[in-house]
């Protein structure tokens, strides 16, 4: 596993510019990383590694269509976007949708436990077998929930 975090100007949580200037801030961030991401996927494909490499792009939350600030958008945990490439995921496929305001997931909703269970499955791990008992309760990465969403798989 390789995890990358994109930041500019030494600001570790640069994508949080969405609070005060989402248009200019996110445009600048996207322009700084989009070619690198495209090159990574192209290289993995050319090397024959994309089928066995799962690329995941996401954040810890979505963005609401509203803001208490000026030109930004507040955090939103009711609807957010994650995209995946390679690693057994259907190419060019979209799953789920938010309402007309972009606030709440309304179609093919996927709980974060389902997302984690699906990612683990794509990596060859059964999330239900990662359970351990502590103090009379079962624990695992997907809590004691999570269903693998097979409709996103190639």
N, C-alpha and C. Protein backbone atom coordinates (compact mmCIF):
# COMPACT_ATOMS: atom_id res chain seq x y z
N UNK A 1 0.83 -1.17 0.00
CA UNK A 1 0.00 0.00 0.00
C UNK A 1 0.88 1.24 0.00
N UNK A 2 0.53 2.17 -0.84
CA UNK A 2 1.19 3.46 -0.89
C UNK A 2 0.11 4.51 -0.69
N UNK A 3 0.31 5.40 0.25
CA UNK A 3 -0.66 6.46 0.50
C UNK A 3 0.01 7.79 0.22
N UNK A 4 -0.66 8.61 -0.58
CA UNK A 4 -0.15 9.93 -0.89
C UNK A 4 -1.14 10.97 -0.42
N UNK A 5 -0.63 12.06 0.07
CA UNK A 5 -1.46 13.19 0.46
C UNK A 5 -0.96 14.40 -0.29
N UNK A 6 -1.84 15.05 -1.00
CA UNK A 6 -1.45 16.18 -1.82
C UNK A 6 -1.61 17.49 -1.06
N UNK A 7 -0.57 18.28 -1.05
CA UNK A 7 -0.65 19.60 -0.44
C UNK A 7 0.22 20.55 -1.24
N UNK A 8 -0.07 21.82 -1.11
CA UNK A 8 0.74 22.84 -1.75
C UNK A 8 1.02 23.93 -0.73
N UNK A 9 2.11 24.63 -0.94
CA UNK A 9 2.51 25.73 -0.06
C UNK A 9 2.69 25.27 1.39
N UNK A 10 3.01 23.99 1.60
CA UNK A 10 3.25 23.49 2.95
C UNK A 10 2.00 23.35 3.80
N UNK A 11 0.84 23.50 3.20
CA UNK A 11 -0.42 23.40 3.92
C UNK A 11 -0.90 21.96 3.85
N UNK A 12 -0.75 21.22 4.94
CA UNK A 12 -1.00 19.78 4.93
C UNK A 12 -2.44 19.39 4.59
N UNK A 13 -3.37 20.23 4.91
CA UNK A 13 -4.77 19.90 4.59
C UNK A 13 -5.28 20.89 3.54
N UNK A 14 -4.52 21.01 2.47
CA UNK A 14 -4.80 22.01 1.45
C UNK A 14 -6.21 21.91 0.88
N UNK A 15 -6.76 20.71 0.76
CA UNK A 15 -8.08 20.57 0.16
C UNK A 15 -9.16 21.17 1.04
N UNK A 16 -8.81 21.58 2.23
CA UNK A 16 -9.79 22.24 3.10
C UNK A 16 -9.97 23.71 2.73
N UNK A 17 -9.40 24.12 1.59
CA UNK A 17 -9.63 25.48 1.10
C UNK A 17 -11.10 25.69 0.76
N UNK A 18 -11.86 24.61 0.73
CA UNK A 18 -13.27 24.68 0.40
C UNK A 18 -14.08 25.56 1.34
N UNK A 19 -13.53 25.90 2.49
CA UNK A 19 -14.27 26.75 3.42
C UNK A 19 -14.33 28.20 2.96
N UNK A 20 -13.26 28.67 2.34
CA UNK A 20 -13.24 30.10 2.04
C UNK A 20 -13.12 30.46 0.57
N UNK A 21 -12.65 29.57 -0.28
CA UNK A 21 -12.55 29.89 -1.70
C UNK A 21 -12.48 28.60 -2.50
N UNK A 22 -13.58 27.89 -2.54
CA UNK A 22 -13.58 26.56 -3.15
C UNK A 22 -13.25 26.60 -4.64
N UNK A 23 -13.72 27.60 -5.34
CA UNK A 23 -13.49 27.64 -6.80
C UNK A 23 -12.01 27.80 -7.12
N UNK A 24 -11.39 28.83 -6.59
CA UNK A 24 -9.97 29.05 -6.89
C UNK A 24 -9.06 28.05 -6.19
N UNK A 25 -9.38 27.73 -4.92
CA UNK A 25 -8.55 26.80 -4.17
C UNK A 25 -8.54 25.41 -4.76
N UNK A 26 -9.72 24.87 -5.05
CA UNK A 26 -9.78 23.51 -5.59
C UNK A 26 -9.31 23.45 -7.04
N UNK A 27 -9.55 24.51 -7.79
CA UNK A 27 -9.03 24.55 -9.17
C UNK A 27 -7.50 24.46 -9.14
N UNK A 28 -6.88 25.24 -8.28
CA UNK A 28 -5.42 25.25 -8.16
C UNK A 28 -4.89 23.88 -7.74
N UNK A 29 -5.57 23.26 -6.78
CA UNK A 29 -5.15 21.94 -6.30
C UNK A 29 -5.32 20.88 -7.38
N UNK A 30 -6.46 20.91 -8.07
CA UNK A 30 -6.71 19.93 -9.13
C UNK A 30 -5.69 20.07 -10.25
N UNK A 31 -5.40 21.30 -10.64
CA UNK A 31 -4.41 21.53 -11.70
C UNK A 31 -3.02 21.07 -11.27
N UNK A 32 -2.75 21.09 -9.99
CA UNK A 32 -1.43 20.68 -9.50
C UNK A 32 -1.25 19.17 -9.44
N UNK A 33 -2.36 18.42 -9.47
CA UNK A 33 -2.21 16.96 -9.30
C UNK A 33 -2.86 16.13 -10.40
N UNK A 34 -3.70 16.71 -11.25
CA UNK A 34 -4.43 15.89 -12.21
C UNK A 34 -3.54 15.17 -13.22
N UNK A 35 -2.50 15.84 -13.70
CA UNK A 35 -1.61 15.20 -14.68
C UNK A 35 -0.81 14.07 -14.05
N UNK A 36 -0.41 14.25 -12.79
CA UNK A 36 0.31 13.19 -12.09
C UNK A 36 -0.54 11.95 -11.88
N UNK A 37 -1.80 12.15 -11.53
CA UNK A 37 -2.71 11.02 -11.34
C UNK A 37 -2.94 10.30 -12.67
N UNK A 38 -3.18 11.07 -13.73
CA UNK A 38 -3.38 10.47 -15.05
C UNK A 38 -2.15 9.69 -15.48
N UNK A 39 -0.96 10.25 -15.22
CA UNK A 39 0.29 9.57 -15.59
C UNK A 39 0.46 8.27 -14.80
N UNK A 40 0.10 8.29 -13.52
CA UNK A 40 0.18 7.08 -12.70
C UNK A 40 -0.69 5.97 -13.28
N UNK A 41 -1.94 6.30 -13.58
CA UNK A 41 -2.86 5.28 -14.10
C UNK A 41 -2.39 4.79 -15.47
N UNK A 42 -1.93 5.70 -16.32
CA UNK A 42 -1.42 5.32 -17.64
C UNK A 42 -0.21 4.40 -17.51
N UNK A 43 0.70 4.74 -16.60
CA UNK A 43 1.89 3.92 -16.39
C UNK A 43 1.53 2.54 -15.85
N UNK A 44 0.64 2.49 -14.88
CA UNK A 44 0.22 1.19 -14.34
C UNK A 44 -0.39 0.33 -15.45
N UNK A 45 -1.19 0.95 -16.31
CA UNK A 45 -1.81 0.22 -17.41
C UNK A 45 -0.75 -0.28 -18.40
N UNK A 46 0.18 0.58 -18.77
CA UNK A 46 1.23 0.20 -19.72
C UNK A 46 2.11 -0.92 -19.17
N UNK A 47 2.33 -0.92 -17.86
CA UNK A 47 3.17 -1.94 -17.24
C UNK A 47 2.40 -3.22 -16.93
N UNK A 48 1.10 -3.23 -17.23
CA UNK A 48 0.27 -4.40 -16.96
C UNK A 48 -0.05 -4.59 -15.49
N UNK A 49 0.04 -3.51 -14.72
CA UNK A 49 -0.18 -3.59 -13.27
C UNK A 49 -1.52 -3.02 -12.81
N UNK A 50 -2.27 -2.38 -13.70
CA UNK A 50 -3.51 -1.74 -13.27
C UNK A 50 -4.55 -2.76 -12.82
N UNK A 51 -4.57 -3.93 -13.44
CA UNK A 51 -5.55 -4.95 -13.05
C UNK A 51 -5.35 -5.42 -11.61
N UNK A 52 -4.12 -5.36 -11.13
CA UNK A 52 -3.85 -5.83 -9.77
C UNK A 52 -3.53 -4.71 -8.78
N UNK A 53 -3.67 -3.47 -9.23
CA UNK A 53 -3.42 -2.32 -8.36
C UNK A 53 -4.71 -1.53 -8.22
N UNK A 54 -5.16 -1.35 -7.01
CA UNK A 54 -6.37 -0.57 -6.75
C UNK A 54 -5.96 0.86 -6.41
N UNK A 55 -6.40 1.80 -7.23
CA UNK A 55 -6.14 3.22 -7.00
C UNK A 55 -7.41 3.83 -6.44
N UNK A 56 -7.29 4.50 -5.29
CA UNK A 56 -8.44 5.09 -4.61
C UNK A 56 -8.16 6.58 -4.40
N UNK A 57 -9.12 7.41 -4.74
CA UNK A 57 -8.99 8.85 -4.53
C UNK A 57 -10.20 9.32 -3.75
N UNK A 58 -9.97 9.93 -2.61
CA UNK A 58 -11.10 10.43 -1.82
C UNK A 58 -10.61 11.27 -0.67
N UNK A 59 -11.54 11.76 0.08
CA UNK A 59 -11.24 12.55 1.26
C UNK A 59 -12.01 11.99 2.44
N UNK A 60 -12.00 12.72 3.51
CA UNK A 60 -12.70 12.21 4.69
C UNK A 60 -14.15 12.65 4.76
N UNK A 61 -14.59 13.48 3.80
CA UNK A 61 -15.97 13.94 3.78
C UNK A 61 -16.26 14.57 2.43
N UNK A 62 -17.52 14.89 2.21
CA UNK A 62 -17.92 15.59 1.00
C UNK A 62 -18.06 17.08 1.29
N UNK A 63 -18.60 17.79 0.34
CA UNK A 63 -18.83 19.23 0.47
C UNK A 63 -20.32 19.52 0.31
N UNK A 64 -20.87 20.24 1.25
CA UNK A 64 -22.27 20.64 1.20
C UNK A 64 -22.46 21.71 0.13
N UNK A 65 -23.67 21.89 -0.37
CA UNK A 65 -23.91 22.94 -1.36
C UNK A 65 -24.03 24.32 -0.71
N UNK A 66 -23.92 24.39 0.59
CA UNK A 66 -24.08 25.65 1.31
C UNK A 66 -22.84 25.96 2.14
N UNK A 67 -22.79 27.19 2.65
CA UNK A 67 -21.66 27.59 3.47
C UNK A 67 -22.08 28.65 4.47
N UNK A 68 -21.50 28.57 5.65
CA UNK A 68 -21.69 29.64 6.63
C UNK A 68 -20.68 30.75 6.37
N UNK A 69 -19.73 30.49 5.47
CA UNK A 69 -18.70 31.46 5.15
C UNK A 69 -19.03 32.25 3.90
N UNK A 70 -17.99 32.67 3.19
CA UNK A 70 -18.17 33.56 2.05
C UNK A 70 -18.28 32.79 0.73
N UNK A 71 -17.18 32.28 0.23
CA UNK A 71 -17.16 31.64 -1.09
C UNK A 71 -16.87 30.14 -0.99
N UNK A 72 -17.10 29.56 0.15
CA UNK A 72 -16.76 28.16 0.32
C UNK A 72 -17.97 27.27 0.45
N UNK A 73 -17.71 26.03 0.83
CA UNK A 73 -18.77 25.06 1.09
C UNK A 73 -18.40 24.29 2.35
N UNK A 74 -19.37 24.03 3.19
CA UNK A 74 -19.14 23.35 4.45
C UNK A 74 -18.92 21.85 4.25
N UNK A 75 -18.46 21.17 5.28
CA UNK A 75 -18.30 19.72 5.26
C UNK A 75 -19.66 19.06 5.13
N UNK A 76 -19.68 17.89 4.52
CA UNK A 76 -20.93 17.16 4.32
C UNK A 76 -20.66 15.66 4.44
N UNK A 77 -21.25 15.04 5.43
CA UNK A 77 -21.06 13.60 5.57
C UNK A 77 -22.25 12.81 5.03
N UNK A 78 -23.20 13.48 4.40
CA UNK A 78 -24.37 12.80 3.85
C UNK A 78 -24.20 12.41 2.38
N UNK A 79 -23.20 12.96 1.73
CA UNK A 79 -22.93 12.62 0.34
C UNK A 79 -21.52 13.02 -0.02
N UNK A 80 -20.70 12.08 -0.46
CA UNK A 80 -19.33 12.40 -0.83
C UNK A 80 -18.88 11.49 -1.96
N UNK A 81 -17.81 11.90 -2.60
CA UNK A 81 -17.32 11.18 -3.78
C UNK A 81 -15.99 10.51 -3.48
N UNK A 82 -15.88 9.28 -3.91
CA UNK A 82 -14.64 8.52 -3.92
C UNK A 82 -14.56 7.90 -5.30
N UNK A 83 -13.40 7.97 -5.94
CA UNK A 83 -13.28 7.23 -7.19
C UNK A 83 -12.18 6.20 -7.08
N UNK A 84 -12.37 5.13 -7.83
CA UNK A 84 -11.41 4.03 -7.82
C UNK A 84 -11.10 3.64 -9.26
N UNK A 85 -9.91 3.13 -9.47
CA UNK A 85 -9.49 2.65 -10.78
C UNK A 85 -8.68 1.37 -10.59
N UNK A 86 -8.78 0.49 -11.58
CA UNK A 86 -8.01 -0.75 -11.56
C UNK A 86 -8.48 -1.70 -10.49
N UNK A 87 -7.63 -2.64 -10.14
CA UNK A 87 -7.87 -3.54 -9.02
C UNK A 87 -9.18 -4.28 -9.00
N UNK A 88 -9.82 -4.48 -10.15
CA UNK A 88 -11.07 -5.23 -10.19
C UNK A 88 -12.32 -4.37 -10.22
N UNK A 89 -12.16 -3.05 -10.31
CA UNK A 89 -13.30 -2.14 -10.37
C UNK A 89 -13.69 -1.94 -11.83
N UNK A 90 -15.01 -1.86 -12.10
CA UNK A 90 -15.48 -1.60 -13.46
C UNK A 90 -14.94 -0.26 -13.94
N UNK A 91 -14.35 -0.24 -15.12
CA UNK A 91 -13.87 1.04 -15.65
C UNK A 91 -15.02 1.89 -16.18
N UNK A 92 -14.91 3.20 -16.02
CA UNK A 92 -15.91 4.12 -16.55
C UNK A 92 -17.29 3.95 -15.95
N UNK A 93 -17.34 3.51 -14.72
CA UNK A 93 -18.60 3.18 -14.07
C UNK A 93 -18.87 4.17 -12.95
N UNK A 94 -20.10 4.57 -12.80
CA UNK A 94 -20.49 5.47 -11.72
C UNK A 94 -21.53 4.77 -10.85
N UNK A 95 -21.39 4.88 -9.56
CA UNK A 95 -22.30 4.23 -8.62
C UNK A 95 -22.83 5.27 -7.65
N UNK A 96 -24.14 5.37 -7.55
CA UNK A 96 -24.74 6.27 -6.59
C UNK A 96 -24.93 7.68 -7.12
N UNK A 97 -25.75 8.43 -6.40
CA UNK A 97 -26.02 9.82 -6.78
C UNK A 97 -26.54 10.58 -5.57
N UNK A 98 -26.32 11.89 -5.61
CA UNK A 98 -26.88 12.74 -4.57
C UNK A 98 -28.14 13.42 -5.09
N UNK A 99 -28.84 14.09 -4.20
CA UNK A 99 -30.04 14.84 -4.61
C UNK A 99 -29.64 15.99 -5.52
N UNK A 100 -30.63 16.72 -6.01
CA UNK A 100 -30.37 17.80 -6.97
C UNK A 100 -29.52 18.93 -6.41
N UNK A 101 -29.36 18.97 -5.08
CA UNK A 101 -28.54 20.00 -4.46
C UNK A 101 -27.12 19.52 -4.16
N UNK A 102 -26.87 18.23 -4.33
CA UNK A 102 -25.56 17.68 -4.01
C UNK A 102 -25.33 17.53 -2.51
N UNK A 103 -26.41 17.42 -1.77
CA UNK A 103 -26.31 17.37 -0.31
C UNK A 103 -26.34 15.96 0.23
N UNK A 104 -27.32 15.17 -0.19
CA UNK A 104 -27.56 13.87 0.42
C UNK A 104 -27.55 12.77 -0.63
N UNK A 105 -26.87 11.67 -0.32
CA UNK A 105 -26.90 10.50 -1.20
C UNK A 105 -28.33 9.96 -1.22
N UNK A 106 -28.86 9.75 -2.42
CA UNK A 106 -30.25 9.30 -2.54
C UNK A 106 -30.40 8.04 -3.38
N UNK A 107 -29.40 7.71 -4.17
CA UNK A 107 -29.51 6.55 -5.07
C UNK A 107 -28.27 5.68 -4.88
N UNK A 108 -28.48 4.38 -4.70
CA UNK A 108 -27.37 3.45 -4.47
C UNK A 108 -26.44 3.98 -3.38
N UNK A 109 -27.03 4.27 -2.24
CA UNK A 109 -26.25 4.78 -1.12
C UNK A 109 -25.28 3.70 -0.63
N UNK A 110 -24.08 4.12 -0.28
CA UNK A 110 -23.08 3.19 0.22
C UNK A 110 -22.54 3.74 1.54
N UNK A 111 -22.74 2.98 2.59
CA UNK A 111 -22.21 3.37 3.89
C UNK A 111 -20.69 3.22 3.87
N UNK A 112 -20.02 3.98 4.69
CA UNK A 112 -18.56 3.90 4.73
C UNK A 112 -18.10 2.50 5.11
N UNK A 113 -18.86 1.78 5.92
CA UNK A 113 -18.51 0.38 6.24
C UNK A 113 -18.57 -0.49 4.99
N UNK A 114 -19.56 -0.23 4.11
CA UNK A 114 -19.66 -0.97 2.85
C UNK A 114 -18.48 -0.64 1.95
N UNK A 115 -18.10 0.63 1.90
CA UNK A 115 -16.94 1.04 1.10
C UNK A 115 -15.69 0.31 1.58
N UNK A 116 -15.47 0.29 2.88
CA UNK A 116 -14.30 -0.39 3.43
C UNK A 116 -14.35 -1.89 3.18
N UNK A 117 -15.51 -2.50 3.36
CA UNK A 117 -15.65 -3.93 3.11
C UNK A 117 -15.35 -4.25 1.64
N UNK A 118 -15.80 -3.37 0.75
CA UNK A 118 -15.58 -3.57 -0.69
C UNK A 118 -14.11 -3.41 -1.04
N UNK A 119 -13.47 -2.40 -0.50
CA UNK A 119 -12.04 -2.19 -0.74
C UNK A 119 -11.24 -3.39 -0.23
N UNK A 120 -11.54 -3.85 0.97
CA UNK A 120 -10.83 -5.02 1.52
C UNK A 120 -11.05 -6.24 0.63
N UNK A 121 -12.28 -6.43 0.14
CA UNK A 121 -12.57 -7.55 -0.75
C UNK A 121 -11.75 -7.45 -2.03
N UNK A 122 -11.68 -6.26 -2.61
CA UNK A 122 -10.88 -6.06 -3.82
C UNK A 122 -9.40 -6.34 -3.57
N UNK A 123 -8.97 -6.19 -2.33
CA UNK A 123 -7.58 -6.47 -1.96
C UNK A 123 -7.38 -7.94 -1.56
N UNK A 124 -8.46 -8.73 -1.67
CA UNK A 124 -8.36 -10.15 -1.38
C UNK A 124 -8.58 -10.51 0.08
N UNK A 125 -9.17 -9.59 0.86
CA UNK A 125 -9.40 -9.83 2.28
C UNK A 125 -10.89 -9.90 2.58
N UNK A 126 -11.27 -10.84 3.42
CA UNK A 126 -12.65 -10.97 3.88
C UNK A 126 -12.77 -10.17 5.17
N UNK A 127 -13.47 -9.05 5.11
CA UNK A 127 -13.55 -8.17 6.28
C UNK A 127 -14.19 -8.86 7.48
N UNK A 128 -15.02 -9.86 7.27
CA UNK A 128 -15.66 -10.55 8.40
C UNK A 128 -14.67 -11.43 9.16
N UNK A 129 -13.57 -11.81 8.51
CA UNK A 129 -12.56 -12.64 9.17
C UNK A 129 -11.55 -11.81 9.94
N UNK A 130 -11.67 -10.48 9.86
CA UNK A 130 -10.77 -9.60 10.59
C UNK A 130 -11.39 -9.20 11.93
N UNK A 131 -12.25 -10.05 12.45
CA UNK A 131 -12.96 -9.77 13.70
C UNK A 131 -12.17 -10.29 14.89
N UNK A 132 -12.15 -9.49 15.95
CA UNK A 132 -11.57 -9.95 17.20
C UNK A 132 -12.50 -9.55 18.34
N UNK A 133 -12.48 -10.34 19.38
CA UNK A 133 -13.36 -10.08 20.52
C UNK A 133 -12.56 -9.42 21.63
N UNK A 134 -13.11 -8.34 22.16
CA UNK A 134 -12.49 -7.64 23.27
C UNK A 134 -13.57 -7.17 24.22
N UNK A 135 -13.42 -7.50 25.48
CA UNK A 135 -14.35 -7.07 26.51
C UNK A 135 -15.80 -7.41 26.17
N UNK A 136 -15.98 -8.61 25.60
CA UNK A 136 -17.32 -9.11 25.32
C UNK A 136 -17.96 -8.55 24.07
N UNK A 137 -17.18 -7.84 23.24
CA UNK A 137 -17.74 -7.25 22.02
C UNK A 137 -16.86 -7.58 20.84
N UNK A 138 -17.49 -7.81 19.67
CA UNK A 138 -16.73 -8.05 18.44
C UNK A 138 -16.33 -6.72 17.81
N UNK A 139 -15.09 -6.67 17.33
CA UNK A 139 -14.55 -5.48 16.66
C UNK A 139 -13.93 -5.89 15.34
N UNK A 140 -13.98 -4.99 14.37
CA UNK A 140 -13.25 -5.17 13.12
C UNK A 140 -13.18 -3.83 12.39
N UNK A 141 -12.41 -3.79 11.33
CA UNK A 141 -12.22 -2.54 10.59
C UNK A 141 -13.54 -1.94 10.11
N UNK A 142 -14.48 -2.78 9.79
CA UNK A 142 -15.79 -2.32 9.33
C UNK A 142 -16.80 -2.34 10.46
N UNK A 143 -16.32 -2.17 11.69
CA UNK A 143 -17.12 -2.34 12.90
C UNK A 143 -17.70 -3.74 12.83
N UNK A 144 -18.93 -3.95 13.06
CA UNK A 144 -19.53 -5.28 12.85
C UNK A 144 -20.56 -5.18 11.74
N UNK A 145 -20.30 -4.26 10.82
CA UNK A 145 -21.21 -4.01 9.70
C UNK A 145 -20.44 -4.20 8.40
N UNK A 146 -21.00 -3.70 7.34
CA UNK A 146 -20.33 -3.69 6.04
C UNK A 146 -20.74 -4.83 5.15
N UNK A 147 -21.16 -4.46 3.96
CA UNK A 147 -21.49 -5.42 2.91
C UNK A 147 -20.65 -5.09 1.69
N UNK A 148 -20.12 -6.12 1.07
CA UNK A 148 -19.33 -5.94 -0.15
C UNK A 148 -20.30 -5.57 -1.28
N UNK A 149 -20.00 -4.49 -1.98
CA UNK A 149 -20.83 -4.03 -3.08
C UNK A 149 -20.23 -4.58 -4.38
N UNK A 150 -20.76 -5.71 -4.83
CA UNK A 150 -20.19 -6.39 -5.99
C UNK A 150 -20.56 -5.73 -7.32
N UNK A 151 -21.57 -4.89 -7.33
CA UNK A 151 -22.00 -4.29 -8.60
C UNK A 151 -20.99 -3.28 -9.16
N UNK A 152 -19.98 -2.88 -8.37
CA UNK A 152 -18.95 -1.98 -8.90
C UNK A 152 -17.75 -2.75 -9.45
N UNK A 153 -17.80 -4.08 -9.34
CA UNK A 153 -16.64 -4.89 -9.73
C UNK A 153 -16.75 -5.33 -11.18
N UNK A 154 -15.58 -5.39 -11.82
CA UNK A 154 -15.51 -5.81 -13.23
C UNK A 154 -15.86 -7.28 -13.34
